């Protein structure tokens, strides 16, 4: 049984290009294609009834306790 280190196999330029595209351009394209769906999901969550408001929108109990009535 021969090891591949003893007999390296030459790779074509198309193989190198395929690896390059598969690990750079294709993931970037898929990420860009998913952005509109992620944006729509965020807008839907912000406007749908029954959602919990963001923590910044909740009143601060310490500020309410100090305010005169």
N, C-alpha and C. Protein backbone atom coordinates (compact mmCIF):
# COMPACT_ATOMS: atom_id res chain seq x y z
N UNK A 1 0.85 -1.17 0.00
CA UNK A 1 0.00 0.00 0.00
C UNK A 1 0.89 1.23 0.00
N UNK A 2 0.76 2.06 -1.01
CA UNK A 2 1.59 3.26 -1.13
C UNK A 2 0.90 4.43 -0.46
N UNK A 3 1.70 5.22 0.21
CA UNK A 3 1.17 6.43 0.83
C UNK A 3 1.11 7.55 -0.19
N UNK A 4 0.17 8.45 -0.02
CA UNK A 4 0.07 9.56 -0.97
C UNK A 4 1.25 10.52 -0.83
N UNK A 5 1.91 10.52 0.32
CA UNK A 5 3.08 11.37 0.49
C UNK A 5 4.20 10.87 -0.42
N UNK A 6 4.28 9.57 -0.59
CA UNK A 6 5.30 9.01 -1.47
C UNK A 6 5.01 9.33 -2.93
N UNK A 7 3.75 9.40 -3.29
CA UNK A 7 3.34 9.64 -4.67
C UNK A 7 2.25 10.72 -4.70
N UNK A 8 2.64 11.99 -4.62
CA UNK A 8 1.61 13.04 -4.62
C UNK A 8 0.83 13.08 -5.94
N UNK A 9 -0.44 13.37 -5.81
CA UNK A 9 -1.32 13.44 -6.98
C UNK A 9 -1.44 14.90 -7.38
N UNK A 10 -1.19 15.18 -8.62
CA UNK A 10 -1.29 16.55 -9.12
C UNK A 10 -2.76 16.96 -9.21
N UNK A 11 -3.03 18.17 -8.73
CA UNK A 11 -4.39 18.70 -8.79
C UNK A 11 -4.48 19.70 -9.94
N UNK A 12 -5.60 19.69 -10.59
CA UNK A 12 -5.79 20.61 -11.71
C UNK A 12 -6.13 22.00 -11.18
N UNK A 13 -6.05 22.97 -12.05
CA UNK A 13 -6.42 24.34 -11.69
C UNK A 13 -7.89 24.42 -11.33
N UNK A 14 -8.72 23.60 -11.98
CA UNK A 14 -10.15 23.60 -11.67
C UNK A 14 -10.41 23.10 -10.26
N UNK A 15 -9.60 22.16 -9.79
CA UNK A 15 -9.76 21.66 -8.42
C UNK A 15 -9.42 22.76 -7.41
N UNK A 16 -8.35 23.47 -7.65
CA UNK A 16 -7.98 24.58 -6.77
C UNK A 16 -9.04 25.67 -6.79
N UNK A 17 -9.56 25.98 -7.96
CA UNK A 17 -10.60 26.99 -8.09
C UNK A 17 -11.87 26.56 -7.36
N UNK A 18 -12.20 25.28 -7.46
CA UNK A 18 -13.38 24.76 -6.77
C UNK A 18 -13.27 24.87 -5.27
N UNK A 19 -12.10 24.57 -4.73
CA UNK A 19 -11.89 24.69 -3.29
C UNK A 19 -11.95 26.16 -2.88
N UNK A 20 -11.31 27.01 -3.65
CA UNK A 20 -11.32 28.44 -3.34
C UNK A 20 -12.74 29.00 -3.32
N UNK A 21 -13.51 28.69 -4.35
CA UNK A 21 -14.88 29.18 -4.41
C UNK A 21 -15.76 28.55 -3.33
N UNK A 22 -15.55 27.28 -3.06
CA UNK A 22 -16.36 26.57 -2.07
C UNK A 22 -16.16 27.06 -0.65
N UNK A 23 -14.99 27.64 -0.38
CA UNK A 23 -14.72 28.12 0.98
C UNK A 23 -14.73 29.63 1.10
N UNK A 24 -15.01 30.34 0.01
CA UNK A 24 -15.02 31.80 0.11
C UNK A 24 -16.26 32.41 -0.55
N UNK A 25 -16.40 32.25 -1.83
CA UNK A 25 -17.47 32.93 -2.56
C UNK A 25 -18.84 32.32 -2.26
N UNK A 26 -18.94 31.03 -2.23
CA UNK A 26 -20.24 30.37 -1.99
C UNK A 26 -20.78 30.71 -0.60
N UNK A 27 -20.00 30.59 0.49
CA UNK A 27 -20.56 30.99 1.79
C UNK A 27 -20.92 32.47 1.86
N UNK A 28 -20.13 33.32 1.23
CA UNK A 28 -20.46 34.75 1.23
C UNK A 28 -21.77 35.01 0.48
N UNK A 29 -21.97 34.34 -0.63
CA UNK A 29 -23.21 34.50 -1.39
C UNK A 29 -24.42 34.00 -0.60
N UNK A 30 -24.27 32.87 0.06
CA UNK A 30 -25.38 32.35 0.86
C UNK A 30 -25.70 33.28 2.02
N UNK A 31 -24.69 33.87 2.62
CA UNK A 31 -24.92 34.82 3.71
C UNK A 31 -25.67 36.04 3.20
N UNK A 32 -25.25 36.57 2.06
CA UNK A 32 -25.94 37.74 1.49
C UNK A 32 -27.38 37.40 1.11
N UNK A 33 -27.60 36.20 0.60
CA UNK A 33 -28.97 35.81 0.24
C UNK A 33 -29.86 35.66 1.46
N UNK A 34 -29.30 35.35 2.62
CA UNK A 34 -30.12 35.15 3.82
C UNK A 34 -30.45 36.45 4.52
N UNK A 35 -29.75 37.54 4.21
CA UNK A 35 -30.00 38.80 4.91
C UNK A 35 -31.42 39.33 4.77
N UNK A 36 -32.04 39.32 3.61
CA UNK A 36 -33.44 39.80 3.55
C UNK A 36 -34.39 38.98 4.42
N UNK A 37 -34.18 37.69 4.49
CA UNK A 37 -35.05 36.86 5.34
C UNK A 37 -34.82 37.17 6.81
N UNK A 38 -33.59 37.37 7.21
CA UNK A 38 -33.31 37.72 8.60
C UNK A 38 -33.89 39.08 8.96
N UNK A 39 -33.81 40.01 8.03
CA UNK A 39 -34.37 41.33 8.27
C UNK A 39 -35.88 41.28 8.42
N UNK A 40 -36.53 40.52 7.55
CA UNK A 40 -37.98 40.38 7.62
C UNK A 40 -38.39 39.70 8.93
N UNK A 41 -37.62 38.73 9.38
CA UNK A 41 -37.93 38.05 10.64
C UNK A 41 -37.83 39.02 11.80
N UNK A 42 -36.80 39.86 11.80
CA UNK A 42 -36.64 40.84 12.88
C UNK A 42 -37.78 41.83 12.90
N UNK A 43 -38.22 42.27 11.73
CA UNK A 43 -39.35 43.21 11.67
C UNK A 43 -40.64 42.54 12.13
N UNK A 44 -40.82 41.28 11.76
CA UNK A 44 -42.01 40.54 12.16
C UNK A 44 -42.05 40.38 13.67
N UNK A 45 -40.91 40.04 14.28
CA UNK A 45 -40.85 39.85 15.72
C UNK A 45 -41.12 41.16 16.46
N UNK A 46 -40.68 42.27 15.90
CA UNK A 46 -40.85 43.57 16.56
C UNK A 46 -42.29 44.04 16.52
N UNK A 47 -43.04 43.62 15.51
CA UNK A 47 -44.41 44.12 15.36
C UNK A 47 -45.48 43.10 15.71
N UNK A 48 -45.11 41.87 15.98
CA UNK A 48 -46.13 40.86 16.26
C UNK A 48 -46.66 41.03 17.69
N UNK A 49 -47.96 40.82 17.89
CA UNK A 49 -48.54 40.98 19.22
C UNK A 49 -48.07 39.87 20.15
N UNK A 50 -47.98 40.24 21.40
CA UNK A 50 -47.60 39.25 22.41
C UNK A 50 -46.11 39.10 22.61
N UNK A 51 -45.32 39.93 21.97
CA UNK A 51 -43.88 39.85 22.18
C UNK A 51 -43.50 40.67 23.39
N UNK A 52 -42.45 40.30 24.02
CA UNK A 52 -41.95 41.00 25.19
C UNK A 52 -41.14 42.19 24.71
N UNK A 53 -41.35 43.37 25.28
CA UNK A 53 -40.58 44.53 24.84
C UNK A 53 -39.10 44.36 25.17
N UNK A 54 -38.29 45.10 24.46
CA UNK A 54 -36.85 45.06 24.71
C UNK A 54 -36.56 45.56 26.11
N UNK A 55 -35.50 45.07 26.74
CA UNK A 55 -35.19 45.50 28.12
C UNK A 55 -35.03 47.01 28.25
N UNK A 56 -34.57 47.70 27.25
CA UNK A 56 -34.42 49.16 27.34
C UNK A 56 -35.77 49.85 27.43
N UNK A 57 -36.84 49.22 26.96
CA UNK A 57 -38.16 49.83 26.98
C UNK A 57 -38.86 49.62 28.33
N UNK A 58 -38.34 48.76 29.17
CA UNK A 58 -38.97 48.51 30.46
C UNK A 58 -38.61 49.62 31.43
N UNK A 59 -39.51 50.00 32.33
CA UNK A 59 -39.20 51.06 33.30
C UNK A 59 -38.15 50.59 34.30
N UNK A 60 -37.32 51.52 34.73
CA UNK A 60 -36.29 51.22 35.71
C UNK A 60 -36.88 51.39 37.11
N UNK A 61 -36.97 50.33 37.91
CA UNK A 61 -37.60 50.45 39.24
C UNK A 61 -36.85 51.40 40.15
N UNK A 62 -35.55 51.55 39.98
CA UNK A 62 -34.78 52.47 40.85
C UNK A 62 -35.15 53.91 40.56
N UNK A 63 -35.37 54.26 39.31
CA UNK A 63 -35.75 55.63 38.95
C UNK A 63 -37.15 55.95 39.43
N UNK A 64 -38.05 54.99 39.38
CA UNK A 64 -39.42 55.23 39.84
C UNK A 64 -39.48 55.41 41.34
N UNK A 65 -38.64 54.71 42.08
CA UNK A 65 -38.65 54.80 43.54
C UNK A 65 -38.14 56.16 44.01
N UNK A 66 -37.23 56.79 43.27
CA UNK A 66 -36.66 58.06 43.66
C UNK A 66 -37.49 59.26 43.24
N UNK A 67 -38.38 59.10 42.29
CA UNK A 67 -39.13 60.24 41.79
C UNK A 67 -40.23 60.63 42.80
N UNK A 68 -40.35 61.93 43.08
CA UNK A 68 -41.40 62.37 44.03
C UNK A 68 -42.78 62.25 43.39
N UNK A 69 -43.74 62.02 44.23
CA UNK A 69 -45.12 61.87 43.74
C UNK A 69 -46.00 62.93 44.31
